[in-house]
C-alpha cells in the first residue's frame, strides 16, 4: 500500500447514524473513516469471494 494515492470516500448519513458510527469507532479505538473503510472492504471481499465461487461452479 505504500505510495498509493488516497482519495476521499464520501458517506452520506443522518446525524443519528453518524453518532452511532462515531461511538462504535471510538469503542474500537478507530477513526470513523477507518471503521467505514474496513467495513466496506470486508463486504467487497465477501462479494468477490462469492463471485469467484459462482464462476467455478
C-alpha atoms as a PDB file:
ATOM      1  CA  UNK A   1       0.000   0.000   0.000  1.00  0.00           C
ATOM      2  CA  UNK A   2       2.997   2.269   0.341  1.00  0.00           C
ATOM      3  CA  UNK A   3       2.971   5.045  -2.207  1.00  0.00           C
ATOM      4  CA  UNK A   4      -0.675   4.546  -3.176  1.00  0.00           C
ATOM      5  CA  UNK A   5      -2.622   7.741  -3.631  1.00  0.00           C
ATOM      6  CA  UNK A   6      -5.588   8.030  -1.291  1.00  0.00           C
ATOM      7  CA  UNK A   7      -8.862   9.608  -2.354  1.00  0.00           C
ATOM      8  CA  UNK A   8     -11.884  10.555  -0.265  1.00  0.00           C
ATOM      9  CA  UNK A   9     -14.697   8.088   0.277  1.00  0.00           C
ATOM     10  CA  UNK A  10     -17.932  10.003   0.759  1.00  0.00           C
ATOM     11  CA  UNK A  11     -20.631   8.599   3.022  1.00  0.00           C
ATOM     12  CA  UNK A  12     -23.997  10.260   3.435  1.00  0.00           C
ATOM     13  CA  UNK A  13     -25.531   9.554   6.839  1.00  0.00           C
ATOM     14  CA  UNK A  14     -28.073  11.076   9.162  1.00  0.00           C
ATOM     15  CA  UNK A  15     -26.835  12.748  12.337  1.00  0.00           C
ATOM     16  CA  UNK A  16     -28.015   9.716  14.367  1.00  0.00           C
ATOM     17  CA  UNK A  17     -26.182   7.315  12.069  1.00  0.00           C
ATOM     18  CA  UNK A  18     -23.046   9.464  12.299  1.00  0.00           C
ATOM     19  CA  UNK A  19     -23.231   9.407  16.083  1.00  0.00           C
ATOM     20  CA  UNK A  20     -23.639   5.611  16.147  1.00  0.00           C
ATOM     21  CA  UNK A  21     -20.685   5.141  13.794  1.00  0.00           C
ATOM     22  CA  UNK A  22     -18.557   7.585  15.780  1.00  0.00           C
ATOM     23  CA  UNK A  23     -19.350   5.875  19.114  1.00  0.00           C
ATOM     24  CA  UNK A  24     -18.625   2.413  17.697  1.00  0.00           C
ATOM     25  CA  UNK A  25     -15.363   3.575  16.139  1.00  0.00           C
ATOM     26  CA  UNK A  26     -14.313   5.103  19.473  1.00  0.00           C
ATOM     27  CA  UNK A  27     -15.010   1.801  21.266  1.00  0.00           C
ATOM     28  CA  UNK A  28     -12.702   0.096  18.759  1.00  0.00           C
ATOM     29  CA  UNK A  29     -10.116   2.892  19.071  1.00  0.00           C
ATOM     30  CA  UNK A  30     -10.503   3.669  15.370  1.00  0.00           C
ATOM     31  CA  UNK A  31     -11.413   6.750  13.395  1.00  0.00           C
ATOM     32  CA  UNK A  32     -14.823   6.864  11.753  1.00  0.00           C
ATOM     33  CA  UNK A  33     -13.150   6.804   8.349  1.00  0.00           C
ATOM     34  CA  UNK A  34     -11.088   3.725   9.173  1.00  0.00           C
ATOM     35  CA  UNK A  35     -14.111   1.851  10.556  1.00  0.00           C
ATOM     36  CA  UNK A  36     -16.171   2.695   7.463  1.00  0.00           C
ATOM     37  CA  UNK A  37     -13.350   1.766   5.080  1.00  0.00           C
ATOM     38  CA  UNK A  38     -12.610  -1.522   6.878  1.00  0.00           C
ATOM     39  CA  UNK A  39     -16.323  -2.425   6.889  1.00  0.00           C
ATOM     40  CA  UNK A  40     -16.788  -1.628   3.215  1.00  0.00           C
ATOM     41  CA  UNK A  41     -13.666  -3.543   2.192  1.00  0.00           C
ATOM     42  CA  UNK A  42     -14.828  -6.556   4.225  1.00  0.00           C
ATOM     43  CA  UNK A  43     -18.136  -6.539   2.334  1.00  0.00           C
ATOM     44  CA  UNK A  44     -16.349  -6.141  -1.012  1.00  0.00           C
ATOM     45  CA  UNK A  45     -14.076  -9.102  -0.225  1.00  0.00           C
ATOM     46  CA  UNK A  46     -17.082 -11.255   0.663  1.00  0.00           C
ATOM     47  CA  UNK A  47     -18.862 -10.378  -2.572  1.00  0.00           C
ATOM     48  CA  UNK A  48     -15.721 -11.017  -4.629  1.00  0.00           C
ATOM     49  CA  UNK A  49     -15.292 -14.415  -2.952  1.00  0.00           C
ATOM     50  CA  UNK A  50     -18.912 -15.317  -3.761  1.00  0.00           C
ATOM     51  CA  UNK A  51     -18.408 -14.287  -7.371  1.00  0.00           C
ATOM     52  CA  UNK A  52     -15.264 -16.442  -7.647  1.00  0.00           C
ATOM     53  CA  UNK A  53     -17.171 -19.371  -6.130  1.00  0.00           C
ATOM     54  CA  UNK A  54     -20.023 -18.916  -8.626  1.00  0.00           C
ATOM     55  CA  UNK A  55     -17.545 -18.696 -11.536  1.00  0.00           C
ATOM     56  CA  UNK A  56     -16.064 -22.053 -10.537  1.00  0.00           C
ATOM     57  CA  UNK A  57     -19.488 -23.698 -10.265  1.00  0.00           C
END
